[in-house]
Amino acid sequence: MLVYKLVALASAPIHVHFIFDRYRPLIKRSKHELLHIFVFTCATARGEAEIDLAFLSKAGKISAVLTEDGDALLFGTEKFYTDGTFIVDVCSAETLSNDPKIPLTTARLLVWAMLRGGDYNLMVAAPAQLPGMLETWRDRLRTVLVYGTLGRKYPTLAASIPAEFLSVDVMHLYLNPVTTWSDSTSSSLPV
């Protein structure tokens, strides 16, 4: 299956560049060799590949991102493709945020990612004010659930929200992602 996808990509009039997550197991040597046989370039991100891809997309260095990970939109990918065995769906951040039925702003995508238990959880300390902000948010959520602002009351659900709900460290990482080009002195892109 992989070979067929690589052939399809190689025959398209595009330059294909693969970026792999740093914290995932490395791909097998044979797959890595396949990428080089097809003359594709590849790199390993300093953290999550979707963050690097979104950074490149926002900077206009790449035209689109092909990935199965929806975090790419959260991190700001401009044009996003998903591949369901050669059935490609295209999303654009602008289209999603302007659709009145599903106005998916970055803030709403962040809440969605946090509620579904996003997979981005490197251990980095969050700013001091974020825990207080999240505590206030949890209290407001409990109030909404208890008093029925949503059209129905959910007191049991409100009582089940733990104090550590929404990890401060993970929230901080979503808001301040680390890219391959992040460091203390520069955030410039490669030429």
Protein backbone atom coordinates (compact mmCIF):
# COMPACT_ATOMS: atom_id res chain seq x y z
CA MET A 1 0.00 0.00 0.00
CA LEU A 2 2.80 2.43 0.88
CA VAL A 3 4.51 1.89 -2.48
CA TYR A 4 1.28 2.74 -4.35
CA LYS A 5 0.92 5.98 -2.40
CA LEU A 6 4.55 6.88 -3.03
CA VAL A 7 4.12 6.20 -6.77
CA ALA A 8 1.04 8.45 -6.83
CA LEU A 9 2.91 11.23 -5.04
CA ALA A 10 5.98 10.84 -7.27
CA SER A 11 3.86 11.13 -10.43
CA ALA A 12 2.20 14.35 -9.25
CA PRO A 13 3.72 17.68 -10.29
CA ILE A 14 4.74 18.51 -6.72
CA HIS A 15 7.77 18.40 -4.47
CA VAL A 16 7.08 16.03 -1.57
CA HIS A 17 8.82 16.53 1.76
CA PHE A 18 8.19 14.18 4.70
CA ILE A 19 8.54 15.35 8.29
CA PHE A 20 8.52 12.75 11.06
CA ASP A 21 7.73 13.19 14.76
CA ARG A 22 10.76 13.19 17.00
CA TYR A 23 8.99 11.30 19.77
CA ARG A 24 7.54 8.48 17.68
CA PRO A 25 9.44 5.30 16.85
CA LEU A 26 11.59 5.78 13.77
CA ILE A 27 10.30 4.33 10.54
CA LYS A 28 11.89 1.14 9.36
CA ARG A 29 15.09 1.52 7.37
CA SER A 30 13.44 -0.02 4.29
CA LYS A 31 10.72 2.67 4.29
CA HIS A 32 13.31 5.39 4.72
CA GLU A 33 15.23 3.98 1.75
CA LEU A 34 12.01 3.98 -0.30
CA LEU A 35 11.62 7.71 0.26
CA HIS A 36 15.12 8.28 -1.07
CA ILE A 37 14.51 6.00 -4.07
CA PHE A 38 11.54 8.22 -4.99
CA VAL A 39 13.78 11.28 -4.48
CA PHE A 40 11.62 12.61 -1.66
CA THR A 41 13.24 14.71 0.99
CA CYS A 42 12.59 14.06 4.66
CA ALA A 43 13.42 15.45 8.08
CA THR A 44 12.67 14.77 11.72
CA ALA A 45 10.87 17.49 13.66
CA ARG A 46 12.17 18.73 16.98
CA GLY A 47 8.79 17.71 18.41
CA GLU A 48 5.53 16.97 16.57
CA ALA A 49 5.67 16.93 12.76
CA GLU A 50 2.30 18.71 12.45
CA ILE A 51 3.70 21.75 14.26
CA ASP A 52 6.60 22.08 11.82
CA LEU A 53 4.24 21.58 8.88
CA ALA A 54 1.85 24.24 10.18
CA PHE A 55 4.76 26.63 10.74
CA LEU A 56 5.95 26.09 7.15
CA SER A 57 2.37 26.49 5.88
CA LYS A 58 1.79 29.78 7.73
CA ALA A 59 5.12 31.07 6.45
CA GLY A 60 4.14 30.26 2.85
CA LYS A 61 7.02 27.80 2.42
CA ILE A 62 4.69 24.90 1.55
CA SER A 63 1.40 24.84 -0.34
CA ALA A 64 -0.42 22.15 1.61
CA VAL A 65 -0.13 19.48 4.29
CA LEU A 66 -1.14 15.83 3.82
CA THR A 67 -1.66 14.20 7.22
CA GLU A 68 -4.13 12.16 9.22
CA ASP A 69 -3.57 14.28 12.36
CA GLY A 70 -6.17 17.01 12.84
CA ASP A 71 -3.78 18.92 15.11
CA ALA A 72 -2.31 20.37 11.93
CA LEU A 73 -5.33 22.70 11.69
CA LEU A 74 -5.06 23.70 15.34
CA PHE A 75 -1.45 24.72 14.84
CA GLY A 76 -2.39 26.90 11.86
CA THR A 77 -1.99 24.84 8.68
CA GLU A 78 -3.52 26.89 5.88
CA LYS A 79 -4.51 23.99 3.58
CA PHE A 80 -4.98 20.50 4.96
CA TYR A 81 -5.46 17.24 3.09
CA THR A 82 -6.44 13.89 4.58
CA ASP A 83 -5.86 10.70 2.67
CA GLY A 84 -8.37 7.91 3.08
CA THR A 85 -6.76 5.50 0.64
CA PHE A 86 -6.63 7.82 -2.34
CA ILE A 87 -9.83 9.63 -1.43
CA VAL A 88 -8.50 13.02 -0.48
CA ASP A 89 -10.50 15.54 1.54
CA VAL A 90 -9.37 19.14 1.47
CA CYS A 91 -9.90 21.58 4.32
CA SER A 92 -8.71 25.12 4.62
CA ALA A 93 -8.48 27.01 7.88
CA GLU A 94 -10.20 30.03 6.35
CA THR A 95 -13.15 27.99 5.07
CA LEU A 96 -13.67 26.28 8.43
CA SER A 97 -13.49 29.50 10.46
CA ASN A 98 -15.93 31.30 8.10
CA ASP A 99 -18.54 28.52 7.88
CA PRO A 100 -21.55 29.64 10.00
CA LYS A 101 -22.48 25.99 10.70
CA ILE A 102 -19.05 25.09 12.08
CA PRO A 103 -17.01 28.23 12.84
CA LEU A 104 -13.85 26.41 13.93
CA THR A 105 -11.64 29.17 15.22
CA THR A 106 -8.27 28.39 16.75
CA ALA A 107 -9.76 28.86 20.23
CA ARG A 108 -12.56 26.37 19.53
CA LEU A 109 -10.12 23.88 18.01
CA LEU A 110 -7.96 24.21 21.14
CA VAL A 111 -10.89 23.44 23.44
CA TRP A 112 -11.87 20.51 21.21
CA ALA A 113 -8.32 19.12 21.29
CA MET A 114 -8.12 19.48 25.07
CA LEU A 115 -11.54 17.88 25.63
CA ARG A 116 -10.75 14.91 23.42
CA GLY A 117 -7.41 14.41 25.17
CA GLY A 118 -5.00 15.63 22.51
CA ASP A 119 -1.80 13.70 21.88
CA TYR A 120 0.53 16.63 22.38
CA ASN A 121 1.94 16.32 25.87
CA LEU A 122 5.65 17.02 26.18
CA MET A 123 6.59 18.07 29.68
CA VAL A 124 7.22 21.83 29.68
CA ALA A 125 6.26 24.24 32.46
CA ALA A 126 3.34 26.58 31.76
CA PRO A 127 3.16 30.29 32.63
CA ALA A 128 2.16 31.05 36.21
CA GLN A 129 -1.23 32.67 35.37
CA LEU A 130 -2.56 29.74 33.28
CA PRO A 131 -3.55 27.48 36.24
CA GLY A 132 -5.76 30.25 37.66
CA MET A 133 -7.36 30.90 34.28
CA LEU A 134 -8.15 27.19 33.86
CA GLU A 135 -9.56 26.97 37.39
CA THR A 136 -11.93 29.87 36.59
CA TRP A 137 -12.88 28.17 33.31
CA ARG A 138 -13.61 24.85 35.12
CA ASP A 139 -15.78 26.69 37.68
CA ARG A 140 -17.77 28.40 34.92
CA LEU A 141 -18.19 25.08 33.09
CA ARG A 142 -19.51 23.45 36.28
CA THR A 143 -21.93 26.37 36.77
CA VAL A 144 -23.25 26.07 33.23
CA LEU A 145 -23.76 22.32 33.69
CA VAL A 146 -25.45 22.64 37.12
CA TYR A 147 -27.84 25.50 36.30
CA GLY A 148 -28.89 24.33 32.86
CA THR A 149 -27.66 27.16 30.65
CA LEU A 150 -27.36 24.58 27.86
CA GLY A 151 -31.09 23.86 27.99
CA ARG A 152 -30.75 20.98 30.43
CA LYS A 153 -29.07 20.49 33.82
CA TYR A 154 -26.10 18.12 34.20
CA PRO A 155 -25.22 18.16 37.92
CA THR A 156 -23.64 14.70 37.91
CA LEU A 157 -21.40 15.62 34.99
CA ALA A 158 -20.45 18.90 36.70
CA ALA A 159 -19.52 17.04 39.89
CA SER A 160 -17.35 14.59 37.93
CA ILE A 161 -15.03 17.27 36.49
CA PRO A 162 -11.70 16.76 38.28
CA ALA A 163 -9.56 19.65 39.52
CA GLU A 164 -6.78 18.68 37.11
CA PHE A 165 -9.15 18.68 34.11
CA LEU A 166 -7.38 20.28 31.16
CA SER A 167 -3.69 19.93 31.77
CA VAL A 168 -2.00 23.30 32.19
CA ASP A 169 1.22 21.98 30.67
CA VAL A 170 -0.53 20.55 27.60
CA MET A 171 -2.57 23.75 27.13
CA HIS A 172 0.67 25.76 27.25
CA LEU A 173 2.24 23.49 24.64
CA TYR A 174 -0.70 23.92 22.27
CA LEU A 175 -0.51 27.70 22.67
CA ASN A 176 3.30 27.89 22.39
CA PRO A 177 4.38 24.94 20.23
CA VAL A 178 8.02 24.05 19.74
CA THR A 179 9.17 23.88 16.13
CA THR A 180 12.43 22.71 14.64
CA TRP A 181 13.32 26.39 14.21
CA SER A 182 12.43 27.41 17.78
CA ASP A 183 15.22 28.42 20.08
CA SER A 184 16.05 31.20 22.46
CA THR A 185 17.66 33.44 19.85
CA SER A 186 15.76 32.96 16.58
CA SER A 187 12.63 31.52 15.05
CA SER A 188 13.64 32.02 11.43
CA LEU A 189 12.89 29.49 8.75
CA PRO A 190 15.47 27.67 6.70
CA VAL A 191 16.10 29.20 3.27
